Amino acid sequence: MIDTHCHIDFEDFDKDRKEVLKRAEDNLDLIIASGFNKQSNQNVLELSKEYEGFIYPTFGFHPVSSQNSTDEELKDAQNHLIDNLSNIVAVGEVGMDYYYVTDKALRERQQEIFTSFLNLANEYKVPIVMHVRDCEKKAVNIIEDYDDIPYFVFHCYGGSLKTAKRIMNRDNCFMSFSTILCYSKHHQDLIEKIDLNYVLTETDSPYLAMTKEERNEPANVVNAVKKIAEIKDMDLSTVDEITTNNARKIFKI
């Protein structure tokens, strides 16, 4: 079982990170720690070296936090990524967020930054993990132009079933479902109709816990896998095997 997207480097875990990772190691095959900005990217890289063979990093530039970045800051983050291509399993999370951001100019800036990372992933032929909240359809249209990116992951997918079907028409696109499955009717309806061959599992921890008061953590990805098994009336082991194999194929681990 794999948590394909978490933020174990966040300060939310500073007081008990070792205990959280011990629980993860006891329950999971591995986790993928997603970088947020240049400093976060460096942090997940260091954690991956400390937990070699269990934590695998991706380097990203989150759309909401990066939309006001300068070209110099963007270039600096991208150079850091390029210098560490051999140490990471994907570019991400990068993308656009139309849920939090409604300003037209900021949305255009997000797309400009997103496109720059798509170009980078295309040039170096590495997978990309995308944060495209409330603009999944637009993202599907944008990625049509990139032929050399081996895999596209729609992190924490929450778009429409119609867009999901477009995603499933491509053999190199996947949708990741988080622990939000445990309480979101929309996500439950989606997973019921989506082929598991296009599905990954994640927590997005410390976010998306069962209640607003809780902190999510990687070991909780088992709850998402159990919910998928329940909704699809499948054995837990089968769901685990399919989603784990999908992750291993995409990230080459």
C-alpha atoms as a PDB file:
ATOM      1  CA  MET A   1       0.000   0.000   0.000  1.00  0.00           C
ATOM      2  CA  ILE A   2       1.334   3.424  -0.970  1.00  0.00           C
ATOM      3  CA  ASP A   3       0.506   6.971   0.050  1.00  0.00           C
ATOM      4  CA  THR A   4       1.340   8.666  -3.236  1.00  0.00           C
ATOM      5  CA  HIS A   5       0.964  12.224  -1.958  1.00  0.00           C
ATOM      6  CA  CYS A   6       1.699  13.640   1.481  1.00  0.00           C
ATOM      7  CA  HIS A   7       3.481  16.591   3.059  1.00  0.00           C
ATOM      8  CA  ILE A   8       5.409  14.888   5.825  1.00  0.00           C
ATOM      9  CA  ASP A   9       7.894  17.781   5.855  1.00  0.00           C
ATOM     10  CA  PHE A  10       5.297  20.287   7.081  1.00  0.00           C
ATOM     11  CA  GLU A  11       5.673  21.810  10.538  1.00  0.00           C
ATOM     12  CA  ASP A  12       2.476  19.982  11.570  1.00  0.00           C
ATOM     13  CA  PHE A  13       4.729  16.935  12.043  1.00  0.00           C
ATOM     14  CA  ASP A  14       7.691  18.635  13.684  1.00  0.00           C
ATOM     15  CA  LYS A  15       6.855  17.384  17.177  1.00  0.00           C
ATOM     16  CA  ASP A  16       6.297  13.706  16.317  1.00  0.00           C
ATOM     17  CA  ARG A  17       7.539  13.069  12.760  1.00  0.00           C
ATOM     18  CA  LYS A  18       9.460   9.933  13.758  1.00  0.00           C
ATOM     19  CA  GLU A  19       6.383   8.401  15.391  1.00  0.00           C
ATOM     20  CA  VAL A  20       4.215   9.270  12.387  1.00  0.00           C
ATOM     21  CA  LEU A  21       6.737   7.712  10.013  1.00  0.00           C
ATOM     22  CA  LYS A  22       7.031   4.638  12.224  1.00  0.00           C
ATOM     23  CA  ARG A  23       3.277   4.099  11.888  1.00  0.00           C
ATOM     24  CA  ALA A  24       3.616   4.590   8.144  1.00  0.00           C
ATOM     25  CA  GLU A  25       6.465   2.082   7.914  1.00  0.00           C
ATOM     26  CA  ASP A  26       4.428  -0.438   9.916  1.00  0.00           C
ATOM     27  CA  ASN A  27       1.466  -0.198   7.535  1.00  0.00           C
ATOM     28  CA  LEU A  28       2.699   0.877   4.098  1.00  0.00           C
ATOM     29  CA  ASP A  29       5.188  -0.163   1.436  1.00  0.00           C
ATOM     30  CA  LEU A  30       6.383   3.399   0.927  1.00  0.00           C
ATOM     31  CA  ILE A  31       5.272   7.015   0.738  1.00  0.00           C
ATOM     32  CA  ILE A  32       5.796   9.803  -1.780  1.00  0.00           C
ATOM     33  CA  ALA A  33       6.510  13.169  -0.176  1.00  0.00           C
ATOM     34  CA  SER A  34       5.420  16.035  -2.376  1.00  0.00           C
ATOM     35  CA  GLY A  35       7.419  19.251  -2.381  1.00  0.00           C
ATOM     36  CA  PHE A  36       5.617  22.584  -2.141  1.00  0.00           C
ATOM     37  CA  ASN A  37       8.291  25.162  -2.979  1.00  0.00           C
ATOM     38  CA  LYS A  38      12.086  25.245  -3.130  1.00  0.00           C
ATOM     39  CA  GLN A  39      12.571  24.930   0.641  1.00  0.00           C
ATOM     40  CA  SER A  40       9.946  22.204   0.914  1.00  0.00           C
ATOM     41  CA  ASN A  41      11.587  20.404  -2.014  1.00  0.00           C
ATOM     42  CA  GLN A  42      14.882  20.432  -0.176  1.00  0.00           C
ATOM     43  CA  ASN A  43      13.176  19.203   2.986  1.00  0.00           C
ATOM     44  CA  VAL A  44      11.563  16.196   1.309  1.00  0.00           C
ATOM     45  CA  LEU A  45      14.852  15.396  -0.389  1.00  0.00           C
ATOM     46  CA  GLU A  46      16.601  15.279   2.985  1.00  0.00           C
ATOM     47  CA  LEU A  47      13.835  13.100   4.437  1.00  0.00           C
ATOM     48  CA  SER A  48      14.141  10.719   1.483  1.00  0.00           C
ATOM     49  CA  LYS A  49      17.846  10.317   2.240  1.00  0.00           C
ATOM     50  CA  GLU A  50      17.118   9.709   5.919  1.00  0.00           C
ATOM     51  CA  TYR A  51      14.414   7.170   5.057  1.00  0.00           C
ATOM     52  CA  GLU A  52      16.005   5.727   1.943  1.00  0.00           C
ATOM     53  CA  GLY A  53      13.809   3.155   0.244  1.00  0.00           C
ATOM     54  CA  PHE A  54      10.688   4.292   2.081  1.00  0.00           C
ATOM     55  CA  ILE A  55      10.255   8.010   1.329  1.00  0.00           C
ATOM     56  CA  TYR A  56      10.452   9.106  -2.305  1.00  0.00           C
ATOM     57  CA  PRO A  57      10.374  12.844  -3.128  1.00  0.00           C
ATOM     58  CA  THR A  58       8.751  14.937  -5.806  1.00  0.00           C
ATOM     59  CA  PHE A  59       9.725  18.567  -6.388  1.00  0.00           C
ATOM     60  CA  GLY A  60       6.912  21.064  -6.865  1.00  0.00           C
ATOM     61  CA  PHE A  61       5.800  24.681  -6.859  1.00  0.00           C
ATOM     62  CA  HIS A  62       2.261  24.893  -5.486  1.00  0.00           C
ATOM     63  CA  PRO A  63       0.027  27.187  -7.581  1.00  0.00           C
ATOM     64  CA  VAL A  64      -1.537  29.180  -4.746  1.00  0.00           C
ATOM     65  CA  SER A  65       1.711  29.913  -2.953  1.00  0.00           C
ATOM     66  CA  SER A  66       3.739  30.431  -6.122  1.00  0.00           C
ATOM     67  CA  GLN A  67       1.393  32.666  -8.113  1.00  0.00           C
ATOM     68  CA  ASN A  68       3.071  35.786  -6.720  1.00  0.00           C
ATOM     69  CA  SER A  69       6.609  34.518  -7.188  1.00  0.00           C
ATOM     70  CA  THR A  70       9.046  36.426  -9.346  1.00  0.00           C
ATOM     71  CA  ASP A  71      10.568  34.982 -12.502  1.00  0.00           C
ATOM     72  CA  GLU A  72      13.844  34.770 -10.606  1.00  0.00           C
ATOM     73  CA  GLU A  73      12.270  32.706  -7.803  1.00  0.00           C
ATOM     74  CA  LEU A  74      10.620  30.438 -10.367  1.00  0.00           C
ATOM     75  CA  LYS A  75      13.892  29.912 -12.216  1.00  0.00           C
ATOM     76  CA  ASP A  76      15.700  29.216  -8.956  1.00  0.00           C
ATOM     77  CA  ALA A  77      13.170  26.513  -8.013  1.00  0.00           C
ATOM     78  CA  GLN A  78      13.374  24.973 -11.470  1.00  0.00           C
ATOM     79  CA  ASN A  79      17.166  24.914 -11.464  1.00  0.00           C
ATOM     80  CA  HIS A  80      17.044  23.200  -8.078  1.00  0.00           C
ATOM     81  CA  LEU A  81      14.678  20.632  -9.576  1.00  0.00           C
ATOM     82  CA  ILE A  82      16.860  20.051 -12.630  1.00  0.00           C
ATOM     83  CA  ASP A  83      19.920  19.590 -10.422  1.00  0.00           C
ATOM     84  CA  ASN A  84      18.079  16.866  -8.519  1.00  0.00           C
ATOM     85  CA  LEU A  85      16.333  14.989 -11.331  1.00  0.00           C
ATOM     86  CA  SER A  86      18.152  11.804 -10.413  1.00  0.00           C
ATOM     87  CA  ASN A  87      16.884  12.053  -6.835  1.00  0.00           C
ATOM     88  CA  ILE A  88      13.172  12.603  -7.459  1.00  0.00           C
ATOM     89  CA  VAL A  89      10.380  10.454  -8.900  1.00  0.00           C
ATOM     90  CA  ALA A  90       8.278  13.234 -10.455  1.00  0.00           C
ATOM     91  CA  VAL A  91       7.699  16.934 -10.914  1.00  0.00           C
ATOM     92  CA  GLY A  92       4.957  18.172  -8.613  1.00  0.00           C
ATOM     93  CA  GLU A  93       2.851  19.266  -7.171  1.00  0.00           C
ATOM     94  CA  VAL A  94       2.352  21.998  -9.733  1.00  0.00           C
ATOM     95  CA  GLY A  95      -0.715  23.310 -11.502  1.00  0.00           C
ATOM     96  CA  MET A  96      -3.630  25.695 -11.116  1.00  0.00           C
ATOM     97  CA  ASP A  97      -6.233  26.283  -8.424  1.00  0.00           C
ATOM     98  CA  TYR A  98      -9.508  27.901  -9.453  1.00  0.00           C
ATOM     99  CA  TYR A  99     -11.160  27.129  -6.129  1.00  0.00           C
ATOM    100  CA  TYR A 100      -9.051  29.504  -4.058  1.00  0.00           C
ATOM    101  CA  VAL A 101      -8.122  31.890  -6.852  1.00  0.00           C
ATOM    102  CA  THR A 102     -10.759  33.752  -8.869  1.00  0.00           C
ATOM    103  CA  ASP A 103      -8.702  36.739 -10.012  1.00  0.00           C
ATOM    104  CA  LYS A 104      -8.160  36.509 -13.773  1.00  0.00           C
ATOM    105  CA  ALA A 105      -4.610  37.868 -13.725  1.00  0.00           C
ATOM    106  CA  LEU A 106      -3.545  35.455 -10.991  1.00  0.00           C
ATOM    107  CA  ARG A 107      -5.125  32.540 -12.855  1.00  0.00           C
ATOM    108  CA  GLU A 108      -3.151  33.514 -15.937  1.00  0.00           C
ATOM    109  CA  ARG A 109       0.020  33.655 -13.859  1.00  0.00           C
ATOM    110  CA  GLN A 110      -0.744  30.204 -12.447  1.00  0.00           C
ATOM    111  CA  GLN A 111      -1.162  28.815 -15.955  1.00  0.00           C
ATOM    112  CA  GLU A 112       2.089  30.445 -17.063  1.00  0.00           C
ATOM    113  CA  ILE A 113       3.972  28.806 -14.181  1.00  0.00           C
ATOM    114  CA  PHE A 114       2.198  25.484 -14.726  1.00  0.00           C
ATOM    115  CA  THR A 115       3.129  25.530 -18.407  1.00  0.00           C
ATOM    116  CA  SER A 116       6.762  26.184 -17.552  1.00  0.00           C
ATOM    117  CA  PHE A 117       6.820  23.035 -15.418  1.00  0.00           C
ATOM    118  CA  LEU A 118       5.029  21.035 -18.101  1.00  0.00           C
ATOM    119  CA  ASN A 119       7.732  22.128 -20.530  1.00  0.00           C
ATOM    120  CA  LEU A 120      10.385  21.038 -18.061  1.00  0.00           C
ATOM    121  CA  ALA A 121       8.776  17.628 -17.460  1.00  0.00           C
ATOM    122  CA  ASN A 122       8.392  17.192 -21.206  1.00  0.00           C
ATOM    123  CA  GLU A 123      12.020  18.092 -21.886  1.00  0.00           C
ATOM    124  CA  TYR A 124      13.372  15.702 -19.272  1.00  0.00           C
ATOM    125  CA  LYS A 125      10.678  13.047 -19.793  1.00  0.00           C
ATOM    126  CA  VAL A 126       9.582  12.732 -16.161  1.00  0.00           C
ATOM    127  CA  PRO A 127       6.102  12.194 -14.668  1.00  0.00           C
ATOM    128  CA  ILE A 128       4.160  15.191 -13.387  1.00  0.00           C
ATOM    129  CA  VAL A 129       1.828  15.452 -10.394  1.00  0.00           C
ATOM    130  CA  MET A 130      -0.813  18.108 -10.945  1.00  0.00           C
ATOM    131  CA  HIS A 131      -2.863  20.198  -8.530  1.00  0.00           C
ATOM    132  CA  VAL A 132      -5.711  21.394 -10.759  1.00  0.00           C
ATOM    133  CA  ARG A 133      -8.587  22.050  -8.384  1.00  0.00           C
ATOM    134  CA  ASP A 134     -11.793  23.210 -10.095  1.00  0.00           C
ATOM    135  CA  CYS A 135     -10.005  23.387 -13.442  1.00  0.00           C
ATOM    136  CA  GLU A 136      -9.566  19.705 -14.263  1.00  0.00           C
ATOM    137  CA  LYS A 137     -11.201  20.064 -17.687  1.00  0.00           C
ATOM    138  CA  LYS A 138      -8.866  22.943 -18.601  1.00  0.00           C
ATOM    139  CA  ALA A 139      -5.863  20.893 -17.459  1.00  0.00           C
ATOM    140  CA  VAL A 140      -6.883  17.987 -19.699  1.00  0.00           C
ATOM    141  CA  ASN A 141      -6.978  20.387 -22.640  1.00  0.00           C
ATOM    142  CA  ILE A 142      -3.561  21.844 -21.758  1.00  0.00           C
ATOM    143  CA  ILE A 143      -1.705  18.535 -21.421  1.00  0.00           C
ATOM    144  CA  GLU A 144      -2.738  17.454 -24.920  1.00  0.00           C
ATOM    145  CA  ASP A 145       0.299  19.362 -26.208  1.00  0.00           C
ATOM    146  CA  TYR A 146       2.891  17.353 -24.269  1.00  0.00           C
ATOM    147  CA  ASP A 147       3.906  14.084 -25.880  1.00  0.00           C
ATOM    148  CA  ASP A 148       7.084  13.301 -23.934  1.00  0.00           C
ATOM    149  CA  ILE A 149       5.750  13.390 -20.386  1.00  0.00           C
ATOM    150  CA  PRO A 150       5.470   9.691 -19.485  1.00  0.00           C
ATOM    151  CA  TYR A 151       2.669  10.020 -16.911  1.00  0.00           C
ATOM    152  CA  PHE A 152       0.243  12.651 -15.689  1.00  0.00           C
ATOM    153  CA  VAL A 153      -1.248  12.363 -12.185  1.00  0.00           C
ATOM    154  CA  PHE A 154      -4.361  14.348 -11.279  1.00  0.00           C
ATOM    155  CA  HIS A 155      -3.631  14.721  -7.568  1.00  0.00           C
ATOM    156  CA  CYS A 156      -6.693  14.526  -5.292  1.00  0.00           C
ATOM    157  CA  TYR A 157      -9.055  14.263  -8.248  1.00  0.00           C
ATOM    158  CA  GLY A 158     -12.415  15.936  -7.684  1.00  0.00           C
ATOM    159  CA  GLY A 159     -13.566  16.858 -11.175  1.00  0.00           C
ATOM    160  CA  SER A 160     -16.556  15.612 -13.114  1.00  0.00           C
ATOM    161  CA  LEU A 161     -17.171  12.080 -14.331  1.00  0.00           C
ATOM    162  CA  LYS A 162     -17.177  13.429 -17.891  1.00  0.00           C
ATOM    163  CA  THR A 163     -13.643  14.767 -17.443  1.00  0.00           C
ATOM    164  CA  ALA A 164     -12.602  11.547 -15.714  1.00  0.00           C
ATOM    165  CA  LYS A 165     -13.709   9.617 -18.799  1.00  0.00           C
ATOM    166  CA  ARG A 166     -11.519  11.862 -20.944  1.00  0.00           C
ATOM    167  CA  ILE A 167      -8.627  11.125 -18.610  1.00  0.00           C
ATOM    168  CA  MET A 168      -9.262   7.394 -18.937  1.00  0.00           C
ATOM    169  CA  ASN A 169      -9.055   7.709 -22.714  1.00  0.00           C
ATOM    170  CA  ARG A 170      -5.329   8.305 -22.243  1.00  0.00           C
ATOM    171  CA  ASP A 171      -3.170   5.391 -21.123  1.00  0.00           C
ATOM    172  CA  ASN A 172      -0.703   7.679 -19.322  1.00  0.00           C
ATOM    173  CA  CYS A 173      -3.126   9.634 -17.122  1.00  0.00           C
ATOM    174  CA  PHE A 174      -4.096   8.702 -13.567  1.00  0.00           C
ATOM    175  CA  MET A 175      -6.382  10.087 -10.876  1.00  0.00           C
ATOM    176  CA  SER A 176      -5.356  10.011  -7.240  1.00  0.00           C
ATOM    177  CA  PHE A 177      -8.020   9.598  -4.544  1.00  0.00           C
ATOM    178  CA  SER A 178      -7.456  10.567  -0.953  1.00  0.00           C
ATOM    179  CA  THR A 179      -8.991   9.888   2.425  1.00  0.00           C
ATOM    180  CA  ILE A 180     -11.662  12.412   1.443  1.00  0.00           C
ATOM    181  CA  LEU A 181     -13.329   9.337  -0.062  1.00  0.00           C
ATOM    182  CA  CYS A 182     -14.397   8.349   3.432  1.00  0.00           C
ATOM    183  CA  TYR A 183     -16.870  11.221   3.705  1.00  0.00           C
ATOM    184  CA  SER A 184     -17.335  12.922   0.318  1.00  0.00           C
ATOM    185  CA  LYS A 185     -20.361  11.698  -1.628  1.00  0.00           C
ATOM    186  CA  HIS A 186     -19.020  13.280  -4.824  1.00  0.00           C
ATOM    187  CA  HIS A 187     -15.755  11.342  -4.590  1.00  0.00           C
ATOM    188  CA  GLN A 188     -17.578   8.139  -3.684  1.00  0.00           C
ATOM    189  CA  ASP A 189     -19.807   8.485  -6.760  1.00  0.00           C
ATOM    190  CA  LEU A 190     -16.731   9.092  -8.899  1.00  0.00           C
ATOM    191  CA  ILE A 191     -14.726   6.107  -7.686  1.00  0.00           C
ATOM    192  CA  GLU A 192     -17.709   3.819  -8.220  1.00  0.00           C
ATOM    193  CA  LYS A 193     -17.530   4.550 -11.951  1.00  0.00           C
ATOM    194  CA  ILE A 194     -13.775   4.949 -12.474  1.00  0.00           C
ATOM    195  CA  ASP A 195     -11.619   2.027 -13.611  1.00  0.00           C
ATOM    196  CA  LEU A 196      -9.046   1.153 -10.927  1.00  0.00           C
ATOM    197  CA  ASN A 197      -6.398   0.872 -13.610  1.00  0.00           C
ATOM    198  CA  TYR A 198      -6.373   4.685 -13.563  1.00  0.00           C
ATOM    199  CA  VAL A 199      -6.402   5.132  -9.779  1.00  0.00           C
ATOM    200  CA  LEU A 200      -3.792   5.957  -7.127  1.00  0.00           C
ATOM    201  CA  THR A 201      -4.317   6.412  -3.388  1.00  0.00           C
ATOM    202  CA  GLU A 202      -3.084   9.240  -1.161  1.00  0.00           C
ATOM    203  CA  THR A 203      -3.737  11.173   2.029  1.00  0.00           C
ATOM    204  CA  ASP A 204      -2.532  14.705   1.182  1.00  0.00           C
ATOM    205  CA  SER A 205      -1.664  14.731   4.882  1.00  0.00           C
ATOM    206  CA  PRO A 206      -1.693  16.710   7.069  1.00  0.00           C
ATOM    207  CA  TYR A 207      -4.852  17.727   5.186  1.00  0.00           C
ATOM    208  CA  LEU A 208      -8.125  15.878   4.516  1.00  0.00           C
ATOM    209  CA  ALA A 209      -8.430  14.098   7.859  1.00  0.00           C
ATOM    210  CA  MET A 210     -11.712  12.582   8.953  1.00  0.00           C
ATOM    211  CA  THR A 211     -12.608  15.709  10.961  1.00  0.00           C
ATOM    212  CA  LYS A 212     -11.421  19.310  10.845  1.00  0.00           C
ATOM    213  CA  GLU A 213      -9.889  18.920  14.289  1.00  0.00           C
ATOM    214  CA  GLU A 214      -7.691  15.977  13.296  1.00  0.00           C
ATOM    215  CA  ARG A 215      -4.370  15.906  11.533  1.00  0.00           C
ATOM    216  CA  ASN A 216      -4.135  13.405   8.716  1.00  0.00           C
ATOM    217  CA  GLU A 217      -1.086  11.168   8.315  1.00  0.00           C
ATOM    218  CA  PRO A 218       0.254   8.706   5.705  1.00  0.00           C
ATOM    219  CA  ALA A 219      -0.812   5.520   7.539  1.00  0.00           C
ATOM    220  CA  ASN A 220      -4.422   6.625   7.085  1.00  0.00           C
ATOM    221  CA  VAL A 221      -4.254   5.874   3.366  1.00  0.00           C
ATOM    222  CA  VAL A 222      -5.532   2.427   4.350  1.00  0.00           C
ATOM    223  CA  ASN A 223      -8.898   4.104   4.989  1.00  0.00           C
ATOM    224  CA  ALA A 224      -9.085   5.264   1.392  1.00  0.00           C
ATOM    225  CA  VAL A 225      -8.181   1.807   0.095  1.00  0.00           C
ATOM    226  CA  LYS A 226     -10.810   0.198   2.341  1.00  0.00           C
ATOM    227  CA  LYS A 227     -13.456   2.641   1.116  1.00  0.00           C
ATOM    228  CA  ILE A 228     -12.658   1.890  -2.513  1.00  0.00           C
ATOM    229  CA  ALA A 229     -12.953  -1.834  -1.796  1.00  0.00           C
ATOM    230  CA  GLU A 230     -16.285  -1.283  -0.060  1.00  0.00           C
ATOM    231  CA  ILE A 231     -17.736   0.891  -2.836  1.00  0.00           C
ATOM    232  CA  LYS A 232     -16.584  -1.419  -5.611  1.00  0.00           C
ATOM    233  CA  ASP A 233     -17.398  -4.592  -3.669  1.00  0.00           C
ATOM    234  CA  MET A 234     -13.865  -5.893  -4.166  1.00  0.00           C
ATOM    235  CA  ASP A 235     -11.341  -7.595  -1.916  1.00  0.00           C
ATOM    236  CA  LEU A 236      -9.107  -5.127  -0.099  1.00  0.00           C
ATOM    237  CA  SER A 237      -6.044  -7.030  -1.281  1.00  0.00           C
ATOM    238  CA  THR A 238      -7.108  -6.668  -4.926  1.00  0.00           C
ATOM    239  CA  VAL A 239      -7.629  -2.916  -4.637  1.00  0.00           C
ATOM    240  CA  ASP A 240      -4.301  -2.627  -2.848  1.00  0.00           C
ATOM    241  CA  GLU A 241      -2.486  -4.642  -5.514  1.00  0.00           C
ATOM    242  CA  ILE A 242      -3.907  -2.674  -8.447  1.00  0.00           C
ATOM    243  CA  THR A 243      -3.350   0.799  -6.984  1.00  0.00           C
ATOM    244  CA  THR A 244       0.099  -0.087  -5.668  1.00  0.00           C
ATOM    245  CA  ASN A 245       1.168  -1.473  -9.036  1.00  0.00           C
ATOM    246  CA  ASN A 246      -0.103   1.685 -10.730  1.00  0.00           C
ATOM    247  CA  ALA A 247       2.057   3.811  -8.435  1.00  0.00           C
ATOM    248  CA  ARG A 248       5.137   1.638  -8.914  1.00  0.00           C
ATOM    249  CA  LYS A 249       4.738   1.853 -12.687  1.00  0.00           C
ATOM    250  CA  ILE A 250       4.350   5.646 -12.774  1.00  0.00           C
ATOM    251  CA  PHE A 251       7.117   6.511 -10.329  1.00  0.00           C
ATOM    252  CA  LYS A 252       9.426   3.575 -11.219  1.00  0.00           C
ATOM    253  CA  ILE A 253       9.764   2.344  -7.643  1.00  0.00           C
END
